[in-house]
């Protein structure tokens, strides 16, 4: 799957699929928090743990979003 196709599918799913939209919003929130944490010169143990946890959660969200994209592609290719 090329990037242009993936990007256009993401845009379409953002408008059509509430679950995908919520996953994308949560993914963005995690990304913003990770940026804040990575900017810290001396993160505490709690902040380091939060960073690790957020990276795992963000990856899980990305997997869910990708699964929705694949299912959407499958359903649309069957209809053609």
C-alpha atoms as a PDB file:
ATOM      1  CA  UNK A   1       0.000   0.000   0.000  1.00  0.00           C
ATOM      2  CA  UNK A   2       1.559   3.272  -1.067  1.00  0.00           C
ATOM      3  CA  UNK A   3       1.611   6.439   1.030  1.00  0.00           C
ATOM      4  CA  UNK A   4      -0.754   8.455  -1.183  1.00  0.00           C
ATOM      5  CA  UNK A   5      -3.392   5.722  -1.043  1.00  0.00           C
ATOM      6  CA  UNK A   6      -2.954   5.300   2.704  1.00  0.00           C
ATOM      7  CA  UNK A   7      -3.231   9.046   3.323  1.00  0.00           C
ATOM      8  CA  UNK A   8      -6.385   9.373   1.244  1.00  0.00           C
ATOM      9  CA  UNK A   9      -7.914   6.359   2.999  1.00  0.00           C
ATOM     10  CA  UNK A  10      -7.093   7.882   6.377  1.00  0.00           C
ATOM     11  CA  UNK A  11      -8.767  11.142   5.366  1.00  0.00           C
ATOM     12  CA  UNK A  12     -11.847   9.297   4.170  1.00  0.00           C
ATOM     13  CA  UNK A  13     -12.040   7.200   7.332  1.00  0.00           C
ATOM     14  CA  UNK A  14     -11.619  10.325   9.475  1.00  0.00           C
ATOM     15  CA  UNK A  15     -14.842  11.667   7.997  1.00  0.00           C
ATOM     16  CA  UNK A  16     -16.791   8.387   7.798  1.00  0.00           C
ATOM     17  CA  UNK A  17     -15.719   6.233  10.736  1.00  0.00           C
ATOM     18  CA  UNK A  18     -16.169   7.548  14.304  1.00  0.00           C
ATOM     19  CA  UNK A  19     -14.030   4.742  15.781  1.00  0.00           C
ATOM     20  CA  UNK A  20     -11.141   5.516  13.428  1.00  0.00           C
ATOM     21  CA  UNK A  21     -11.506   9.234  14.139  1.00  0.00           C
ATOM     22  CA  UNK A  22     -11.307   8.659  17.901  1.00  0.00           C
ATOM     23  CA  UNK A  23      -8.286   6.364  17.532  1.00  0.00           C
ATOM     24  CA  UNK A  24      -6.547   9.010  15.420  1.00  0.00           C
ATOM     25  CA  UNK A  25      -7.292  11.729  17.997  1.00  0.00           C
ATOM     26  CA  UNK A  26      -5.950   9.581  20.807  1.00  0.00           C
ATOM     27  CA  UNK A  27      -2.866   8.766  18.725  1.00  0.00           C
ATOM     28  CA  UNK A  28      -2.265  12.504  18.251  1.00  0.00           C
ATOM     29  CA  UNK A  29      -2.647  13.153  21.998  1.00  0.00           C
ATOM     30  CA  UNK A  30      -0.060  10.461  22.741  1.00  0.00           C
ATOM     31  CA  UNK A  31       2.272  11.926  20.115  1.00  0.00           C
ATOM     32  CA  UNK A  32       1.990  15.396  21.681  1.00  0.00           C
ATOM     33  CA  UNK A  33       2.686  14.072  25.177  1.00  0.00           C
ATOM     34  CA  UNK A  34       5.648  12.056  23.907  1.00  0.00           C
ATOM     35  CA  UNK A  35       7.057  15.218  22.352  1.00  0.00           C
ATOM     36  CA  UNK A  36       6.768  16.961  25.714  1.00  0.00           C
ATOM     37  CA  UNK A  37       8.470  14.079  27.501  1.00  0.00           C
ATOM     38  CA  UNK A  38      11.295  13.804  24.984  1.00  0.00           C
ATOM     39  CA  UNK A  39      12.014  17.524  25.400  1.00  0.00           C
ATOM     40  CA  UNK A  40      12.795  17.039  29.088  1.00  0.00           C
ATOM     41  CA  UNK A  41      16.514  17.205  29.850  1.00  0.00           C
ATOM     42  CA  UNK A  42      16.258  15.100  33.003  1.00  0.00           C
ATOM     43  CA  UNK A  43      13.014  13.108  33.071  1.00  0.00           C
ATOM     44  CA  UNK A  44      12.034  11.509  36.348  1.00  0.00           C
ATOM     45  CA  UNK A  45      11.541   7.770  36.680  1.00  0.00           C
ATOM     46  CA  UNK A  46       7.785   8.302  36.418  1.00  0.00           C
ATOM     47  CA  UNK A  47       8.187  10.354  33.251  1.00  0.00           C
ATOM     48  CA  UNK A  48      10.448   7.705  31.725  1.00  0.00           C
ATOM     49  CA  UNK A  49       7.895   5.025  32.549  1.00  0.00           C
ATOM     50  CA  UNK A  50       5.112   7.179  31.107  1.00  0.00           C
ATOM     51  CA  UNK A  51       7.111   7.587  27.899  1.00  0.00           C
ATOM     52  CA  UNK A  52       7.557   3.825  27.520  1.00  0.00           C
ATOM     53  CA  UNK A  53       3.886   3.192  28.260  1.00  0.00           C
ATOM     54  CA  UNK A  54       2.724   5.863  25.808  1.00  0.00           C
ATOM     55  CA  UNK A  55       4.932   4.459  23.054  1.00  0.00           C
ATOM     56  CA  UNK A  56       3.328   1.036  23.526  1.00  0.00           C
ATOM     57  CA  UNK A  57      -0.185   2.483  23.597  1.00  0.00           C
ATOM     58  CA  UNK A  58       0.522   4.607  20.527  1.00  0.00           C
ATOM     59  CA  UNK A  59       1.778   1.574  18.621  1.00  0.00           C
ATOM     60  CA  UNK A  60      -1.323  -0.408  19.627  1.00  0.00           C
ATOM     61  CA  UNK A  61      -3.525   2.415  18.335  1.00  0.00           C
ATOM     62  CA  UNK A  62      -1.601   2.492  15.077  1.00  0.00           C
ATOM     63  CA  UNK A  63      -2.166  -1.260  14.709  1.00  0.00           C
ATOM     64  CA  UNK A  64      -5.905  -0.801  15.313  1.00  0.00           C
ATOM     65  CA  UNK A  65      -6.066   1.998  12.758  1.00  0.00           C
ATOM     66  CA  UNK A  66      -4.182  -0.089  10.212  1.00  0.00           C
ATOM     67  CA  UNK A  67      -6.562  -2.976  10.795  1.00  0.00           C
ATOM     68  CA  UNK A  68      -9.531  -0.680  10.105  1.00  0.00           C
ATOM     69  CA  UNK A  69      -7.837   0.551   6.916  1.00  0.00           C
ATOM     70  CA  UNK A  70      -7.270  -3.016   5.712  1.00  0.00           C
ATOM     71  CA  UNK A  71     -10.866  -3.996   6.501  1.00  0.00           C
ATOM     72  CA  UNK A  72     -12.157  -0.918   4.682  1.00  0.00           C
ATOM     73  CA  UNK A  73     -10.021  -1.743   1.645  1.00  0.00           C
ATOM     74  CA  UNK A  74     -11.200  -5.343   1.680  1.00  0.00           C
ATOM     75  CA  UNK A  75     -14.860  -4.343   1.895  1.00  0.00           C
ATOM     76  CA  UNK A  76     -14.519  -1.778  -0.891  1.00  0.00           C
ATOM     77  CA  UNK A  77     -12.607  -4.075  -3.224  1.00  0.00           C
ATOM     78  CA  UNK A  78     -15.351  -6.719  -2.887  1.00  0.00           C
ATOM     79  CA  UNK A  79     -17.952  -4.177  -3.917  1.00  0.00           C
ATOM     80  CA  UNK A  80     -16.202  -3.382  -7.208  1.00  0.00           C
END
